[in-house]
């Protein structure tokens, strides 16, 4: 098996950076959603579970070998690098100024990176501050949030370019 090479940054339109997503099944599920909804690449930041760990591969149904991915060592400083490449970087977080993902997606910039955070704590404040905007998935029924794997599916679906 060979992992696909990431295409040139010039052709990338939708990225999914993962911040400290520590459980291999969640990493695998995020890759599966990324593949299903046309994400161009996944960025794995420090302290993320390894996408090539056996459980990640199994839960991803092998899509870790389909979706291009790379490690980004400098984080959240990497947000600036994404911005320099022309990406609008959005944090998926529950903040006062968060915009509903469907509203954001309706007018999302052509090149968008949506950052997903660790299970439980979500994104660090320094990451949220570094991002250009903050988006959220509106909830009802007294539920405050979804598991990061489920949230990635909803966000990737909303952002897919049809």
N, C-alpha and C. Protein backbone atom coordinates (compact mmCIF):
# COMPACT_ATOMS: atom_id res chain seq x y z
N UNK A 1 0.84 -1.18 0.00
CA UNK A 1 0.00 0.00 0.00
C UNK A 1 0.88 1.23 0.00
N UNK A 2 0.46 2.21 -0.75
CA UNK A 2 1.14 3.49 -0.78
C UNK A 2 0.15 4.58 -0.43
N UNK A 3 0.58 5.53 0.37
CA UNK A 3 -0.27 6.69 0.66
C UNK A 3 -0.21 7.63 -0.52
N UNK A 4 -1.32 8.24 -0.89
CA UNK A 4 -1.28 9.17 -2.02
C UNK A 4 -0.47 10.41 -1.67
N UNK A 5 0.19 10.96 -2.66
CA UNK A 5 0.91 12.21 -2.46
C UNK A 5 -0.10 13.35 -2.45
N UNK A 6 0.16 14.30 -1.61
CA UNK A 6 -0.72 15.47 -1.57
C UNK A 6 -0.55 16.25 -2.86
N UNK A 7 -1.65 16.64 -3.47
CA UNK A 7 -1.54 17.45 -4.68
C UNK A 7 -0.93 18.81 -4.35
N UNK A 8 -0.53 19.51 -5.36
CA UNK A 8 0.02 20.86 -5.18
C UNK A 8 -0.98 21.71 -4.42
N UNK A 9 -0.47 22.57 -3.55
CA UNK A 9 -1.35 23.45 -2.78
C UNK A 9 -2.20 24.33 -3.68
N UNK A 10 -1.78 24.53 -4.91
CA UNK A 10 -2.52 25.38 -5.84
C UNK A 10 -3.89 24.80 -6.16
N UNK A 11 -4.03 23.47 -6.21
CA UNK A 11 -5.29 22.86 -6.61
C UNK A 11 -6.18 22.48 -5.42
N UNK A 12 -5.68 22.59 -4.22
CA UNK A 12 -6.47 22.22 -3.05
C UNK A 12 -7.55 23.27 -2.78
N UNK A 13 -8.73 22.79 -2.40
CA UNK A 13 -9.82 23.70 -2.10
C UNK A 13 -10.37 23.51 -0.70
N UNK A 14 -10.42 22.29 -0.21
CA UNK A 14 -10.97 22.03 1.11
C UNK A 14 -10.00 21.17 1.91
N UNK A 15 -9.61 21.68 3.07
CA UNK A 15 -8.68 20.96 3.96
C UNK A 15 -9.33 20.73 5.31
N UNK A 16 -8.88 19.68 5.98
CA UNK A 16 -9.35 19.38 7.33
C UNK A 16 -8.12 19.19 8.24
N UNK A 17 -7.72 20.24 8.95
CA UNK A 17 -6.67 20.06 9.96
C UNK A 17 -7.27 19.47 11.25
N UNK A 18 -6.54 18.55 11.86
CA UNK A 18 -6.97 17.91 13.11
C UNK A 18 -6.03 18.32 14.24
N UNK A 19 -6.58 18.91 15.28
CA UNK A 19 -5.77 19.33 16.42
C UNK A 19 -5.96 18.36 17.59
N UNK A 20 -4.94 17.63 17.91
CA UNK A 20 -4.90 16.74 19.08
C UNK A 20 -6.05 15.73 19.12
N UNK A 21 -6.51 15.25 17.96
CA UNK A 21 -7.54 14.21 17.94
C UNK A 21 -6.80 12.92 18.29
N UNK A 22 -6.98 12.45 19.51
CA UNK A 22 -6.11 11.42 20.06
C UNK A 22 -6.55 9.98 19.89
N UNK A 23 -7.79 9.74 19.51
CA UNK A 23 -8.23 8.35 19.41
C UNK A 23 -8.21 7.88 17.96
N UNK A 24 -7.53 6.77 17.70
CA UNK A 24 -7.45 6.26 16.33
C UNK A 24 -8.80 6.04 15.65
N UNK A 25 -9.83 5.53 16.35
CA UNK A 25 -11.12 5.38 15.67
C UNK A 25 -11.70 6.72 15.19
N UNK A 26 -11.53 7.77 15.96
CA UNK A 26 -12.02 9.08 15.51
C UNK A 26 -11.23 9.58 14.31
N UNK A 27 -9.92 9.40 14.33
CA UNK A 27 -9.11 9.81 13.17
C UNK A 27 -9.57 9.03 11.94
N UNK A 28 -9.76 7.73 12.08
CA UNK A 28 -10.23 6.92 10.96
C UNK A 28 -11.58 7.36 10.44
N UNK A 29 -12.51 7.66 11.35
CA UNK A 29 -13.84 8.11 10.94
C UNK A 29 -13.79 9.46 10.23
N UNK A 30 -12.91 10.33 10.67
CA UNK A 30 -12.76 11.64 10.02
C UNK A 30 -12.24 11.44 8.59
N UNK A 31 -11.28 10.55 8.40
CA UNK A 31 -10.79 10.27 7.06
C UNK A 31 -11.90 9.71 6.17
N UNK A 32 -12.72 8.87 6.74
CA UNK A 32 -13.83 8.29 5.96
C UNK A 32 -14.80 9.37 5.51
N UNK A 33 -15.13 10.29 6.41
CA UNK A 33 -16.01 11.41 6.04
C UNK A 33 -15.33 12.32 5.02
N UNK A 34 -14.04 12.57 5.20
CA UNK A 34 -13.29 13.40 4.25
C UNK A 34 -13.36 12.80 2.85
N UNK A 35 -13.18 11.49 2.76
CA UNK A 35 -13.25 10.82 1.46
C UNK A 35 -14.66 10.88 0.89
N UNK A 36 -15.65 10.63 1.72
CA UNK A 36 -17.04 10.58 1.26
C UNK A 36 -17.54 11.92 0.74
N UNK A 37 -17.03 13.02 1.32
CA UNK A 37 -17.57 14.33 0.97
C UNK A 37 -16.58 15.22 0.23
N UNK A 38 -15.53 14.63 -0.34
CA UNK A 38 -14.68 15.35 -1.26
C UNK A 38 -13.66 16.31 -0.68
N UNK A 39 -13.24 16.08 0.56
CA UNK A 39 -12.17 16.90 1.13
C UNK A 39 -10.88 16.57 0.39
N UNK A 40 -10.09 17.59 0.07
CA UNK A 40 -8.88 17.40 -0.71
C UNK A 40 -7.71 16.81 0.08
N UNK A 41 -7.61 17.16 1.37
CA UNK A 41 -6.51 16.64 2.18
C UNK A 41 -6.81 16.84 3.65
N UNK A 42 -6.18 16.00 4.48
CA UNK A 42 -6.27 16.09 5.93
C UNK A 42 -4.89 16.48 6.44
N UNK A 43 -4.84 17.39 7.39
CA UNK A 43 -3.60 17.79 8.03
C UNK A 43 -3.62 17.29 9.47
N UNK A 44 -2.59 16.56 9.84
CA UNK A 44 -2.51 15.97 11.17
C UNK A 44 -1.50 16.77 11.98
N UNK A 45 -1.97 17.42 13.03
CA UNK A 45 -1.11 18.25 13.87
C UNK A 45 -0.50 17.41 14.99
N UNK A 46 0.48 17.98 15.71
CA UNK A 46 1.09 17.23 16.81
C UNK A 46 0.06 16.71 17.82
N UNK A 47 0.35 15.57 18.37
CA UNK A 47 -0.46 14.90 19.39
C UNK A 47 -1.74 14.28 18.83
N UNK A 48 -1.85 14.18 17.50
CA UNK A 48 -2.97 13.44 16.90
C UNK A 48 -2.59 11.96 16.84
N UNK A 49 -3.59 11.14 16.87
CA UNK A 49 -3.37 9.71 16.66
C UNK A 49 -2.86 9.50 15.23
N UNK A 50 -2.09 8.47 15.05
CA UNK A 50 -1.48 8.15 13.76
C UNK A 50 -2.54 7.59 12.81
N UNK A 51 -2.72 8.22 11.64
CA UNK A 51 -3.69 7.68 10.68
C UNK A 51 -3.32 6.27 10.19
N UNK A 52 -2.05 5.88 10.32
CA UNK A 52 -1.64 4.56 9.88
C UNK A 52 -1.69 3.51 10.99
N UNK A 53 -2.18 3.91 12.15
CA UNK A 53 -2.40 2.94 13.22
C UNK A 53 -3.52 1.99 12.77
N UNK A 54 -3.41 0.73 13.12
CA UNK A 54 -4.34 -0.30 12.65
C UNK A 54 -5.81 0.07 12.83
N UNK A 55 -6.17 0.59 14.00
CA UNK A 55 -7.58 0.95 14.24
C UNK A 55 -8.02 2.13 13.38
N UNK A 56 -7.12 3.08 13.14
CA UNK A 56 -7.46 4.21 12.25
C UNK A 56 -7.76 3.69 10.85
N UNK A 57 -6.91 2.81 10.37
CA UNK A 57 -7.08 2.26 9.03
C UNK A 57 -8.40 1.50 8.92
N UNK A 58 -8.67 0.65 9.93
CA UNK A 58 -9.87 -0.17 9.89
C UNK A 58 -11.14 0.68 9.91
N UNK A 59 -11.20 1.66 10.83
CA UNK A 59 -12.39 2.50 10.92
C UNK A 59 -12.55 3.37 9.67
N UNK A 60 -11.43 3.76 9.07
CA UNK A 60 -11.50 4.58 7.86
C UNK A 60 -11.95 3.78 6.64
N UNK A 61 -12.02 2.46 6.77
CA UNK A 61 -12.33 1.58 5.65
C UNK A 61 -11.28 1.76 4.54
N UNK A 62 -10.05 2.02 4.96
CA UNK A 62 -8.95 2.16 4.02
C UNK A 62 -8.79 3.52 3.39
N UNK A 63 -9.65 4.47 3.75
CA UNK A 63 -9.57 5.78 3.11
C UNK A 63 -8.35 6.58 3.53
N UNK A 64 -7.63 6.15 4.58
CA UNK A 64 -6.37 6.82 4.90
C UNK A 64 -5.36 6.61 3.78
N UNK A 65 -5.60 5.62 2.92
CA UNK A 65 -4.75 5.40 1.75
C UNK A 65 -5.31 6.10 0.51
N UNK A 66 -6.47 6.70 0.63
CA UNK A 66 -7.13 7.38 -0.48
C UNK A 66 -7.01 8.89 -0.37
N UNK A 67 -7.27 9.42 0.80
CA UNK A 67 -7.25 10.87 1.01
C UNK A 67 -5.82 11.31 1.29
N UNK A 68 -5.29 12.25 0.51
CA UNK A 68 -3.95 12.76 0.81
C UNK A 68 -3.90 13.38 2.20
N UNK A 69 -2.80 13.18 2.90
CA UNK A 69 -2.64 13.78 4.22
C UNK A 69 -1.16 14.00 4.49
N UNK A 70 -0.93 14.89 5.42
CA UNK A 70 0.44 15.17 5.84
C UNK A 70 0.42 15.65 7.28
N UNK A 71 1.58 15.60 7.89
CA UNK A 71 1.73 16.13 9.24
C UNK A 71 2.14 17.59 9.14
N UNK A 72 1.57 18.40 10.00
CA UNK A 72 1.95 19.80 10.09
C UNK A 72 2.47 20.00 11.50
N UNK A 73 3.77 20.18 11.63
CA UNK A 73 4.42 20.16 12.94
C UNK A 73 4.23 21.43 13.75
N UNK A 74 4.18 22.56 13.10
CA UNK A 74 4.07 23.83 13.81
C UNK A 74 2.60 24.24 13.90
N UNK A 75 2.04 24.09 15.09
CA UNK A 75 0.61 24.37 15.26
C UNK A 75 0.35 25.05 16.58
N UNK A 76 -0.40 26.13 16.65
CA UNK A 76 -1.27 26.71 15.65
C UNK A 76 -0.59 27.68 14.69
N UNK A 77 0.73 27.79 14.73
CA UNK A 77 1.43 28.66 13.77
C UNK A 77 1.14 28.25 12.33
N UNK A 78 0.79 27.00 12.11
CA UNK A 78 0.46 26.52 10.77
C UNK A 78 -0.76 27.20 10.17
N UNK A 79 -1.58 27.80 11.01
CA UNK A 79 -2.75 28.54 10.51
C UNK A 79 -2.27 29.67 9.59
N UNK A 80 -1.20 30.35 9.99
CA UNK A 80 -0.66 31.43 9.16
C UNK A 80 -0.17 30.90 7.82
N UNK A 81 0.45 29.73 7.84
CA UNK A 81 0.93 29.12 6.59
C UNK A 81 -0.24 28.80 5.66
N UNK A 82 -1.34 28.32 6.22
CA UNK A 82 -2.52 28.04 5.40
C UNK A 82 -3.09 29.33 4.81
N UNK A 83 -3.12 30.36 5.63
CA UNK A 83 -3.63 31.65 5.16
C UNK A 83 -2.75 32.18 4.02
N UNK A 84 -1.43 32.03 4.15
CA UNK A 84 -0.51 32.48 3.09
C UNK A 84 -0.73 31.72 1.79
N UNK A 85 -1.24 30.49 1.89
CA UNK A 85 -1.57 29.71 0.69
C UNK A 85 -2.94 30.06 0.13
N UNK A 86 -3.62 31.00 0.77
CA UNK A 86 -4.91 31.46 0.26
C UNK A 86 -6.13 30.81 0.89
N UNK A 87 -5.93 30.11 2.00
CA UNK A 87 -7.06 29.45 2.67
C UNK A 87 -7.70 30.34 3.71
N UNK A 88 -9.01 30.29 3.77
CA UNK A 88 -9.76 30.85 4.89
C UNK A 88 -9.81 29.73 5.92
N UNK A 89 -9.33 29.99 7.12
CA UNK A 89 -9.26 28.95 8.15
C UNK A 89 -10.36 29.18 9.17
N UNK A 90 -11.24 28.20 9.30
CA UNK A 90 -12.37 28.29 10.21
C UNK A 90 -12.22 27.25 11.32
N UNK A 91 -12.42 27.67 12.54
CA UNK A 91 -12.39 26.78 13.69
C UNK A 91 -13.79 26.26 13.95
N UNK A 92 -13.94 24.96 14.15
CA UNK A 92 -15.23 24.41 14.55
C UNK A 92 -15.25 24.44 16.07
N UNK A 93 -15.97 25.40 16.64
CA UNK A 93 -15.95 25.59 18.09
C UNK A 93 -17.23 26.31 18.54
N UNK A 94 -17.56 26.08 19.79
CA UNK A 94 -18.74 26.73 20.38
C UNK A 94 -18.30 28.04 21.01
N UNK A 95 -18.37 29.10 20.24
CA UNK A 95 -17.99 30.43 20.70
C UNK A 95 -19.19 31.36 20.53
N UNK A 96 -19.17 32.48 21.21
CA UNK A 96 -20.27 33.45 21.11
C UNK A 96 -20.50 33.93 19.67
N UNK A 97 -19.41 34.09 18.92
CA UNK A 97 -19.52 34.62 17.56
C UNK A 97 -19.52 33.53 16.48
N UNK A 98 -19.70 32.27 16.87
CA UNK A 98 -19.71 31.18 15.89
C UNK A 98 -20.90 31.31 14.95
N UNK A 99 -20.65 31.00 13.68
CA UNK A 99 -21.67 31.04 12.65
C UNK A 99 -22.09 29.59 12.37
N UNK A 100 -23.36 29.38 12.12
CA UNK A 100 -23.84 28.03 11.79
C UNK A 100 -23.13 27.53 10.54
N UNK A 101 -22.71 26.27 10.56
CA UNK A 101 -21.94 25.70 9.45
C UNK A 101 -22.70 25.82 8.13
N UNK A 102 -24.01 25.66 8.13
CA UNK A 102 -24.76 25.76 6.87
C UNK A 102 -24.73 27.18 6.32
N UNK A 103 -24.75 28.20 7.20
CA UNK A 103 -24.66 29.59 6.76
C UNK A 103 -23.26 29.89 6.23
N UNK A 104 -22.26 29.39 6.93
CA UNK A 104 -20.88 29.58 6.48
C UNK A 104 -20.68 28.91 5.12
N UNK A 105 -21.16 27.70 4.98
CA UNK A 105 -20.97 26.93 3.74
C UNK A 105 -21.65 27.59 2.55
N UNK A 106 -22.75 28.28 2.79
CA UNK A 106 -23.49 28.92 1.70
C UNK A 106 -22.65 29.97 0.98
N UNK A 107 -21.71 30.57 1.69
CA UNK A 107 -20.87 31.59 1.05
C UNK A 107 -19.39 31.37 1.39
N UNK A 108 -19.02 30.12 1.61
CA UNK A 108 -17.64 29.81 1.98
C UNK A 108 -16.67 30.21 0.88
N UNK A 109 -15.51 30.71 1.26
CA UNK A 109 -14.48 31.02 0.26
C UNK A 109 -14.11 29.75 -0.52
N UNK A 110 -13.59 29.94 -1.73
CA UNK A 110 -13.22 28.79 -2.57
C UNK A 110 -12.22 27.87 -1.88
N UNK A 111 -11.33 28.44 -1.10
CA UNK A 111 -10.31 27.64 -0.41
C UNK A 111 -10.55 27.75 1.09
N UNK A 112 -11.00 26.66 1.67
CA UNK A 112 -11.40 26.65 3.07
C UNK A 112 -10.74 25.50 3.82
N UNK A 113 -10.28 25.79 5.03
CA UNK A 113 -9.78 24.76 5.93
C UNK A 113 -10.62 24.85 7.21
N UNK A 114 -11.23 23.74 7.60
CA UNK A 114 -12.01 23.70 8.84
C UNK A 114 -11.26 22.84 9.83
N UNK A 115 -10.93 23.44 10.98
CA UNK A 115 -10.12 22.79 11.99
C UNK A 115 -11.01 22.10 13.02
N UNK A 116 -10.72 20.80 13.25
CA UNK A 116 -11.44 20.01 14.25
C UNK A 116 -10.54 19.77 15.44
N UNK A 117 -11.10 19.84 16.65
CA UNK A 117 -10.32 19.69 17.87
C UNK A 117 -10.51 18.37 18.57
N UNK A 118 -9.72 18.21 19.60
CA UNK A 118 -9.69 16.99 20.38
C UNK A 118 -11.04 16.66 21.01
N UNK A 119 -11.20 15.39 21.28
CA UNK A 119 -12.39 14.92 21.96
C UNK A 119 -12.43 15.57 23.35
N UNK A 120 -13.58 16.04 23.75
CA UNK A 120 -13.72 16.62 25.09
C UNK A 120 -13.44 18.11 25.12
N UNK A 121 -12.17 18.51 25.04
CA UNK A 121 -11.80 19.91 25.18
C UNK A 121 -11.98 20.74 23.91
N UNK A 122 -12.03 20.10 22.77
CA UNK A 122 -12.14 20.84 21.51
C UNK A 122 -10.83 21.52 21.15
N UNK A 123 -10.94 22.66 20.52
CA UNK A 123 -9.76 23.41 20.07
C UNK A 123 -9.20 24.27 21.20
N UNK A 124 -7.89 24.45 21.19
CA UNK A 124 -7.27 25.35 22.14
C UNK A 124 -7.64 26.79 21.79
N UNK A 125 -7.68 27.66 22.79
CA UNK A 125 -8.02 29.08 22.58
C UNK A 125 -7.05 29.71 21.60
N UNK A 126 -5.77 29.35 21.66
CA UNK A 126 -4.78 29.93 20.75
C UNK A 126 -5.10 29.57 19.29
N UNK A 127 -5.64 28.40 19.07
CA UNK A 127 -6.02 28.00 17.71
C UNK A 127 -7.24 28.78 17.25
N UNK A 128 -8.24 28.88 18.10
CA UNK A 128 -9.46 29.62 17.75
C UNK A 128 -9.11 31.06 17.42
N UNK A 129 -8.26 31.67 18.22
CA UNK A 129 -7.83 33.05 17.99
C UNK A 129 -7.08 33.20 16.68
N UNK A 130 -6.28 32.22 16.32
CA UNK A 130 -5.49 32.28 15.09
C UNK A 130 -6.35 32.13 13.84
N UNK A 131 -7.52 31.52 13.96
CA UNK A 131 -8.37 31.27 12.78
C UNK A 131 -9.10 32.53 12.33
N UNK A 132 -9.54 32.50 11.08
CA UNK A 132 -10.24 33.64 10.48
C UNK A 132 -11.69 33.75 10.95
N UNK A 133 -12.31 32.63 11.24
CA UNK A 133 -13.70 32.63 11.69
C UNK A 133 -13.95 31.39 12.52
N UNK A 134 -15.11 31.38 13.15
CA UNK A 134 -15.50 30.24 13.97
C UNK A 134 -16.88 29.78 13.52
N UNK A 135 -17.00 28.48 13.30
CA UNK A 135 -18.27 27.90 12.88
C UNK A 135 -18.72 26.85 13.89
N UNK A 136 -19.99 26.57 13.88
CA UNK A 136 -20.55 25.57 14.79
C UNK A 136 -21.70 24.83 14.14
N UNK A 137 -22.01 23.70 14.72
CA UNK A 137 -23.15 22.91 14.26
C UNK A 137 -24.29 23.18 15.24
N UNK A 138 -25.37 23.83 14.80
CA UNK A 138 -26.47 24.11 15.71
C UNK A 138 -27.07 22.82 16.28
N UNK A 139 -27.37 22.83 17.54
CA UNK A 139 -27.89 21.65 18.24
C UNK A 139 -29.27 21.95 18.82
N UNK A 140 -30.02 20.91 19.02
CA UNK A 140 -31.30 21.04 19.73
C UNK A 140 -31.39 19.90 20.73
N UNK A 141 -32.47 19.85 21.46
CA UNK A 141 -32.70 18.77 22.41
C UNK A 141 -31.76 18.80 23.60
N UNK A 142 -31.17 19.97 23.90
CA UNK A 142 -30.29 20.08 25.05
C UNK A 142 -28.90 19.49 24.82
N UNK A 143 -28.59 19.11 23.60
CA UNK A 143 -27.27 18.55 23.29
C UNK A 143 -26.35 19.72 22.96
N UNK A 144 -25.16 19.75 23.59
CA UNK A 144 -24.26 20.88 23.35
C UNK A 144 -23.29 20.64 22.20
N UNK A 145 -22.94 19.37 21.93
CA UNK A 145 -21.99 19.12 20.85
C UNK A 145 -22.05 17.66 20.42
N UNK A 146 -21.35 17.38 19.31
CA UNK A 146 -21.24 16.02 18.80
C UNK A 146 -19.81 15.51 19.01
N UNK A 147 -19.65 14.22 18.97
CA UNK A 147 -18.33 13.62 18.92
C UNK A 147 -17.61 14.18 17.71
N UNK A 148 -16.27 14.32 17.78
CA UNK A 148 -15.51 14.94 16.70
C UNK A 148 -15.69 14.19 15.37
N UNK A 149 -15.84 12.88 15.41
CA UNK A 149 -16.04 12.12 14.18
C UNK A 149 -17.39 12.45 13.55
N UNK A 150 -18.44 12.52 14.36
CA UNK A 150 -19.77 12.87 13.85
C UNK A 150 -19.78 14.32 13.36
N UNK A 151 -19.15 15.21 14.11
CA UNK A 151 -19.10 16.62 13.71
C UNK A 151 -18.37 16.78 12.38
N UNK A 152 -17.32 16.00 12.17
CA UNK A 152 -16.58 16.10 10.90
C UNK A 152 -17.46 15.68 9.73
N UNK A 153 -18.29 14.67 9.94
CA UNK A 153 -19.19 14.23 8.87
C UNK A 153 -20.18 15.33 8.50
N UNK A 154 -20.76 15.96 9.51
CA UNK A 154 -21.72 17.03 9.25
C UNK A 154 -21.04 18.21 8.54
N UNK A 155 -19.89 18.62 9.03
CA UNK A 155 -19.19 19.77 8.45
C UNK A 155 -18.69 19.46 7.03
N UNK A 156 -18.11 18.29 6.83
CA UNK A 156 -17.63 17.93 5.48
C UNK A 156 -18.78 17.84 4.49
N UNK A 157 -19.91 17.32 4.93
CA UNK A 157 -21.09 17.26 4.07
C UNK A 157 -21.53 18.67 3.69
N UNK A 158 -21.61 19.55 4.69
CA UNK A 158 -22.07 20.93 4.45
C UNK A 158 -21.14 21.66 3.49
N UNK A 159 -19.85 21.38 3.54
CA UNK A 159 -18.87 22.11 2.74
C UNK A 159 -18.59 21.51 1.37
N UNK A 160 -19.15 20.33 1.10
CA UNK A 160 -18.78 19.67 -0.16
C UNK A 160 -19.16 20.53 -1.36
N UNK A 161 -18.28 20.52 -2.33
CA UNK A 161 -18.48 21.27 -3.57
C UNK A 161 -19.15 20.33 -4.57
N UNK A 162 -20.42 20.59 -4.86
CA UNK A 162 -21.17 19.71 -5.75
C UNK A 162 -21.13 20.23 -7.16
